[in-house]
């Protein structure tokens, strides 16, 4: 194989691997951002539960032992 052709092939493969790693890093960064945002939203949404309707129910026990 010609040395010049081999060097061009190696340069091409380097560019392909570089682009592949940049795309993977970008996708994982986006997924990390979205999962963090959704986790914070879920935590804020479910941080308080109103139990007054449950306690006012006639089916609720009159005495609770914890």
PDB file of N, CA and C in Angstrom:
ATOM      1  N   UNK A   1       0.845  -1.179   0.000  1.00  0.00           N
ATOM      2  CA  UNK A   1       0.000   0.000   0.000  1.00  0.00           C
ATOM      3  C   UNK A   1       0.888   1.239   0.000  1.00  0.00           C
ATOM      4  N   UNK A   2       0.502   2.240  -0.724  1.00  0.00           N
ATOM      5  CA  UNK A   2       1.269   3.479  -0.813  1.00  0.00           C
ATOM      6  C   UNK A   2       1.230   4.207   0.527  1.00  0.00           C
ATOM      7  N   UNK A   3       2.334   4.784   0.900  1.00  0.00           N
ATOM      8  CA  UNK A   3       2.430   5.480   2.190  1.00  0.00           C
ATOM      9  C   UNK A   3       1.502   6.689   2.240  1.00  0.00           C
ATOM     10  N   UNK A   4       1.371   7.408   1.134  1.00  0.00           N
ATOM     11  CA  UNK A   4       0.488   8.568   1.105  1.00  0.00           C
ATOM     12  C   UNK A   4      -0.972   8.177   1.258  1.00  0.00           C
ATOM     13  N   UNK A   5      -1.374   7.093   0.579  1.00  0.00           N
ATOM     14  CA  UNK A   5      -2.752   6.606   0.686  1.00  0.00           C
ATOM     15  C   UNK A   5      -3.042   6.111   2.101  1.00  0.00           C
ATOM     16  N   UNK A   6      -2.068   5.458   2.718  1.00  0.00           N
ATOM     17  CA  UNK A   6      -2.220   4.965   4.091  1.00  0.00           C
ATOM     18  C   UNK A   6      -2.401   6.129   5.060  1.00  0.00           C
ATOM     19  N   UNK A   7      -1.621   7.186   4.892  1.00  0.00           N
ATOM     20  CA  UNK A   7      -1.742   8.352   5.768  1.00  0.00           C
ATOM     21  C   UNK A   7      -3.100   9.040   5.602  1.00  0.00           C
ATOM     22  N   UNK A   8      -3.594   9.104   4.360  1.00  0.00           N
ATOM     23  CA  UNK A   8      -4.922   9.698   4.130  1.00  0.00           C
ATOM     24  C   UNK A   8      -5.998   8.848   4.804  1.00  0.00           C
ATOM     25  N   UNK A   9      -5.864   7.518   4.712  1.00  0.00           N
ATOM     26  CA  UNK A   9      -6.824   6.617   5.356  1.00  0.00           C
ATOM     27  C   UNK A   9      -6.799   6.777   6.875  1.00  0.00           C
ATOM     28  N   UNK A  10      -5.634   6.902   7.458  1.00  0.00           N
ATOM     29  CA  UNK A  10      -5.508   7.088   8.914  1.00  0.00           C
ATOM     30  C   UNK A  10      -6.119   8.423   9.330  1.00  0.00           C
ATOM     31  N   UNK A  11      -5.876   9.474   8.561  1.00  0.00           N
ATOM     32  CA  UNK A  11      -6.466  10.778   8.868  1.00  0.00           C
ATOM     33  C   UNK A  11      -7.989  10.724   8.783  1.00  0.00           C
ATOM     34  N   UNK A  12      -8.508  10.032   7.781  1.00  0.00           N
ATOM     35  CA  UNK A  12      -9.959   9.881   7.630  1.00  0.00           C
ATOM     36  C   UNK A  12     -10.550   9.145   8.835  1.00  0.00           C
ATOM     37  N   UNK A  13      -9.909   8.051   9.247  1.00  0.00           N
ATOM     38  CA  UNK A  13     -10.393   7.306  10.406  1.00  0.00           C
ATOM     39  C   UNK A  13     -10.324   8.147  11.681  1.00  0.00           C
ATOM     40  N   UNK A  14      -9.293   8.953  11.834  1.00  0.00           N
ATOM     41  CA  UNK A  14      -9.191   9.836  12.996  1.00  0.00           C
ATOM     42  C   UNK A  14     -10.349  10.830  13.032  1.00  0.00           C
ATOM     43  N   UNK A  15     -10.692  11.381  11.893  1.00  0.00           N
ATOM     44  CA  UNK A  15     -11.798  12.345  11.836  1.00  0.00           C
ATOM     45  C   UNK A  15     -13.122  11.648  12.147  1.00  0.00           C
ATOM     46  N   UNK A  16     -13.309  10.438  11.613  1.00  0.00           N
ATOM     47  CA  UNK A  16     -14.544   9.690  11.872  1.00  0.00           C
ATOM     48  C   UNK A  16     -14.671   9.377  13.353  1.00  0.00           C
ATOM     49  N   UNK A  17     -13.622   8.902  13.981  1.00  0.00           N
ATOM     50  CA  UNK A  17     -13.677   8.592  15.416  1.00  0.00           C
ATOM     51  C   UNK A  17     -13.865   9.851  16.250  1.00  0.00           C
ATOM     52  N   UNK A  18     -13.265  10.942  15.853  1.00  0.00           N
ATOM     53  CA  UNK A  18     -13.455  12.199  16.572  1.00  0.00           C
ATOM     54  C   UNK A  18     -14.908  12.647  16.501  1.00  0.00           C
ATOM     55  N   UNK A  19     -15.486  12.615  15.317  1.00  0.00           N
ATOM     56  CA  UNK A  19     -16.893  13.004  15.173  1.00  0.00           C
ATOM     57  C   UNK A  19     -17.803  12.067  15.961  1.00  0.00           C
ATOM     58  N   UNK A  20     -17.507  10.790  15.937  1.00  0.00           N
ATOM     59  CA  UNK A  20     -18.304   9.811  16.682  1.00  0.00           C
ATOM     60  C   UNK A  20     -18.264  10.099  18.183  1.00  0.00           C
ATOM     61  N   UNK A  21     -17.088  10.382  18.721  1.00  0.00           N
ATOM     62  CA  UNK A  21     -16.984  10.660  20.155  1.00  0.00           C
ATOM     63  C   UNK A  21     -17.646  11.989  20.517  1.00  0.00           C
ATOM     64  N   UNK A  22     -17.557  12.975  19.643  1.00  0.00           N
ATOM     65  CA  UNK A  22     -18.220  14.257  19.909  1.00  0.00           C
ATOM     66  C   UNK A  22     -19.734  14.075  19.923  1.00  0.00           C
ATOM     67  N   UNK A  23     -20.262  13.291  18.982  1.00  0.00           N
ATOM     68  CA  UNK A  23     -21.706  13.043  18.936  1.00  0.00           C
ATOM     69  C   UNK A  23     -22.143  12.277  20.190  1.00  0.00           C
ATOM     70  N   UNK A  24     -21.391  11.251  20.574  1.00  0.00           N
ATOM     71  CA  UNK A  24     -21.735  10.504  21.783  1.00  0.00           C
ATOM     72  C   UNK A  24     -21.696  11.385  23.022  1.00  0.00           C
ATOM     73  N   UNK A  25     -20.670  12.197  23.154  1.00  0.00           N
ATOM     74  CA  UNK A  25     -20.559  13.085  24.312  1.00  0.00           C
ATOM     75  C   UNK A  25     -21.729  14.062  24.344  1.00  0.00           C
ATOM     76  N   UNK A  26     -22.103  14.595  23.196  1.00  0.00           N
ATOM     77  CA  UNK A  26     -23.225  15.539  23.129  1.00  0.00           C
ATOM     78  C   UNK A  26     -24.526  14.853  23.526  1.00  0.00           C
ATOM     79  N   UNK A  27     -24.760  13.655  23.007  1.00  0.00           N
ATOM     80  CA  UNK A  27     -25.996  12.937  23.345  1.00  0.00           C
ATOM     81  C   UNK A  27     -26.063  12.595  24.832  1.00  0.00           C
ATOM     82  N   UNK A  28     -24.955  12.141  25.413  1.00  0.00           N
ATOM     83  CA  UNK A  28     -24.956  11.821  26.836  1.00  0.00           C
ATOM     84  C   UNK A  28     -25.110  13.079  27.690  1.00  0.00           C
ATOM     85  N   UNK A  29     -24.566  14.190  27.248  1.00  0.00           N
ATOM     86  CA  UNK A  29     -24.744  15.448  27.983  1.00  0.00           C
ATOM     87  C   UNK A  29     -26.202  15.889  27.955  1.00  0.00           C
ATOM     88  N   UNK A  30     -26.843  15.769  26.810  1.00  0.00           N
ATOM     89  CA  UNK A  30     -28.265  16.124  26.699  1.00  0.00           C
ATOM     90  C   UNK A  30     -29.110  15.199  27.570  1.00  0.00           C
ATOM     91  N   UNK A  31     -28.829  13.912  27.545  1.00  0.00           N
ATOM     92  CA  UNK A  31     -29.580  12.973  28.376  1.00  0.00           C
ATOM     93  C   UNK A  31     -29.377  13.260  29.857  1.00  0.00           C
ATOM     94  N   UNK A  32     -28.153  13.616  30.259  1.00  0.00           N
ATOM     95  CA  UNK A  32     -27.895  13.967  31.650  1.00  0.00           C
ATOM     96  C   UNK A  32     -28.645  15.210  32.074  1.00  0.00           C
ATOM     97  N   UNK A  33     -28.677  16.209  31.207  1.00  0.00           N
ATOM     98  CA  UNK A  33     -29.415  17.435  31.510  1.00  0.00           C
ATOM     99  C   UNK A  33     -30.902  17.149  31.658  1.00  0.00           C
ATOM    100  N   UNK A  34     -31.464  16.394  30.712  1.00  0.00           N
ATOM    101  CA  UNK A  34     -32.899  16.102  30.752  1.00  0.00           C
ATOM    102  C   UNK A  34     -33.268  15.256  31.973  1.00  0.00           C
ATOM    103  N   UNK A  35     -32.455  14.283  32.312  1.00  0.00           N
ATOM    104  CA  UNK A  35     -32.774  13.450  33.467  1.00  0.00           C
ATOM    105  C   UNK A  35     -32.661  14.240  34.766  1.00  0.00           C
ATOM    106  N   UNK A  36     -31.695  15.137  34.846  1.00  0.00           N
ATOM    107  CA  UNK A  36     -31.578  15.977  36.041  1.00  0.00           C
ATOM    108  C   UNK A  36     -32.769  16.908  36.157  1.00  0.00           C
ATOM    109  N   UNK A  37     -33.173  17.514  35.054  1.00  0.00           N
ATOM    110  CA  UNK A  37     -34.321  18.426  35.065  1.00  0.00           C
ATOM    111  C   UNK A  37     -35.598  17.683  35.448  1.00  0.00           C
ATOM    112  N   UNK A  38     -35.790  16.485  34.905  1.00  0.00           N
ATOM    113  CA  UNK A  38     -36.984  15.711  35.234  1.00  0.00           C
ATOM    114  C   UNK A  38     -36.960  15.224  36.680  1.00  0.00           C
ATOM    115  N   UNK A  39     -35.794  14.878  37.193  1.00  0.00           N
ATOM    116  CA  UNK A  39     -35.700  14.451  38.594  1.00  0.00           C
ATOM    117  C   UNK A  39     -36.044  15.594  39.538  1.00  0.00           C
ATOM    118  N   UNK A  40     -35.557  16.785  39.242  1.00  0.00           N
ATOM    119  CA  UNK A  40     -35.869  17.951  40.079  1.00  0.00           C
ATOM    120  C   UNK A  40     -37.356  18.264  39.996  1.00  0.00           C
ATOM    121  N   UNK A  41     -37.932  18.191  38.792  1.00  0.00           N
ATOM    122  CA  UNK A  41     -39.366  18.441  38.634  1.00  0.00           C
ATOM    123  C   UNK A  41     -40.183  17.411  39.416  1.00  0.00           C
ATOM    124  N   UNK A  42     -39.807  16.142  39.352  1.00  0.00           N
ATOM    125  CA  UNK A  42     -40.525  15.087  40.062  1.00  0.00           C
ATOM    126  C   UNK A  42     -40.416  15.290  41.572  1.00  0.00           C
ATOM    127  N   UNK A  43     -39.229  15.644  42.036  1.00  0.00           N
ATOM    128  CA  UNK A  43     -39.039  15.854  43.477  1.00  0.00           C
ATOM    129  C   UNK A  43     -39.880  17.021  43.973  1.00  0.00           C
ATOM    130  N   UNK A  44     -39.916  18.102  43.218  1.00  0.00           N
ATOM    131  CA  UNK A  44     -40.701  19.268  43.629  1.00  0.00           C
ATOM    132  C   UNK A  44     -42.201  18.979  43.567  1.00  0.00           C
ATOM    133  N   UNK A  45     -42.622  18.214  42.576  1.00  0.00           N
ATOM    134  CA  UNK A  45     -44.045  17.910  42.420  1.00  0.00           C
ATOM    135  C   UNK A  45     -44.547  16.991  43.527  1.00  0.00           C
ATOM    136  N   UNK A  46     -43.740  16.069  43.976  1.00  0.00           N
ATOM    137  CA  UNK A  46     -44.167  15.074  44.956  1.00  0.00           C
ATOM    138  C   UNK A  46     -43.612  15.333  46.355  1.00  0.00           C
ATOM    139  N   UNK A  47     -43.196  16.539  46.637  1.00  0.00           N
ATOM    140  CA  UNK A  47     -42.611  16.803  47.951  1.00  0.00           C
ATOM    141  C   UNK A  47     -43.669  16.972  49.031  1.00  0.00           C
ATOM    142  N   UNK A  48     -44.894  17.331  48.663  1.00  0.00           N
ATOM    143  CA  UNK A  48     -45.946  17.531  49.650  1.00  0.00           C
ATOM    144  C   UNK A  48     -47.182  16.750  49.230  1.00  0.00           C
ATOM    145  N   UNK A  49     -47.688  15.969  50.165  1.00  0.00           N
ATOM    146  CA  UNK A  49     -48.898  15.197  49.907  1.00  0.00           C
ATOM    147  C   UNK A  49     -49.936  15.636  50.928  1.00  0.00           C
ATOM    148  N   UNK A  50     -51.089  16.064  50.449  1.00  0.00           N
ATOM    149  CA  UNK A  50     -52.163  16.510  51.327  1.00  0.00           C
ATOM    150  C   UNK A  50     -52.977  15.296  51.781  1.00  0.00           C
ATOM    151  N   UNK A  51     -52.892  14.998  53.079  1.00  0.00           N
ATOM    152  CA  UNK A  51     -53.583  13.835  53.619  1.00  0.00           C
ATOM    153  C   UNK A  51     -54.889  14.197  54.315  1.00  0.00           C
ATOM    154  N   UNK A  52     -55.343  15.440  54.208  1.00  0.00           N
ATOM    155  CA  UNK A  52     -56.552  15.836  54.924  1.00  0.00           C
ATOM    156  C   UNK A  52     -57.779  15.096  54.401  1.00  0.00           C
ATOM    157  N   UNK A  53     -57.843  14.835  53.099  1.00  0.00           N
ATOM    158  CA  UNK A  53     -58.984  14.095  52.550  1.00  0.00           C
ATOM    159  C   UNK A  53     -58.976  12.647  53.033  1.00  0.00           C
ATOM    160  N   UNK A  54     -57.801  12.078  53.174  1.00  0.00           N
ATOM    161  CA  UNK A  54     -57.696  10.706  53.663  1.00  0.00           C
ATOM    162  C   UNK A  54     -58.116  10.642  55.134  1.00  0.00           C
ATOM    163  N   UNK A  55     -57.676  11.607  55.925  1.00  0.00           N
ATOM    164  CA  UNK A  55     -58.018  11.619  57.350  1.00  0.00           C
ATOM    165  C   UNK A  55     -59.505  11.898  57.580  1.00  0.00           C
ATOM    166  N   UNK A  56     -60.158  12.644  56.705  1.00  0.00           N
ATOM    167  CA  UNK A  56     -61.573  12.975  56.855  1.00  0.00           C
ATOM    168  C   UNK A  56     -62.476  11.867  56.353  1.00  0.00           C
ATOM    169  N   UNK A  57     -61.915  10.848  55.747  1.00  0.00           N
ATOM    170  CA  UNK A  57     -62.725   9.766  55.188  1.00  0.00           C
ATOM    171  C   UNK A  57     -63.375   8.950  56.316  1.00  0.00           C
ATOM    172  N   UNK A  58     -64.611   8.522  56.140  1.00  0.00           N
ATOM    173  CA  UNK A  58     -65.237   7.678  57.167  1.00  0.00           C
ATOM    174  C   UNK A  58     -64.592   6.299  57.259  1.00  0.00           C
ATOM    175  N   UNK A  59     -63.823   5.927  56.251  1.00  0.00           N
ATOM    176  CA  UNK A  59     -63.151   4.636  56.274  1.00  0.00           C
ATOM    177  C   UNK A  59     -61.811   4.674  57.019  1.00  0.00           C
ATOM    178  N   UNK A  60     -61.364   5.866  57.382  1.00  0.00           N
ATOM    179  CA  UNK A  60     -60.085   6.010  58.065  1.00  0.00           C
ATOM    180  C   UNK A  60     -60.226   5.480  59.494  1.00  0.00           C
ATOM    181  N   UNK A  61     -59.201   4.815  60.010  1.00  0.00           N
ATOM    182  CA  UNK A  61     -59.284   4.329  61.388  1.00  0.00           C
ATOM    183  C   UNK A  61     -59.260   5.488  62.386  1.00  0.00           C
ATOM    184  N   UNK A  62     -59.927   5.311  63.499  1.00  0.00           N
ATOM    185  CA  UNK A  62     -59.982   6.400  64.495  1.00  0.00           C
ATOM    186  C   UNK A  62     -58.682   6.486  65.278  1.00  0.00           C
ATOM    187  N   UNK A  63     -57.925   5.408  65.346  1.00  0.00           N
ATOM    188  CA  UNK A  63     -56.672   5.403  66.094  1.00  0.00           C
ATOM    189  C   UNK A  63     -55.609   4.748  65.221  1.00  0.00           C
ATOM    190  N   UNK A  64     -54.490   5.411  65.066  1.00  0.00           N
ATOM    191  CA  UNK A  64     -53.396   4.865  64.265  1.00  0.00           C
ATOM    192  C   UNK A  64     -52.212   4.609  65.170  1.00  0.00           C
ATOM    193  N   UNK A  65     -51.651   3.454  65.063  1.00  0.00           N
ATOM    194  CA  UNK A  65     -50.465   3.078  65.843  1.00  0.00           C
ATOM    195  C   UNK A  65     -49.284   3.040  64.887  1.00  0.00           C
ATOM    196  N   UNK A  66     -48.301   3.870  65.158  1.00  0.00           N
ATOM    197  CA  UNK A  66     -47.137   3.929  64.272  1.00  0.00           C
ATOM    198  C   UNK A  66     -45.996   3.130  64.830  1.00  0.00           C
TER     199      UNK A  66
END
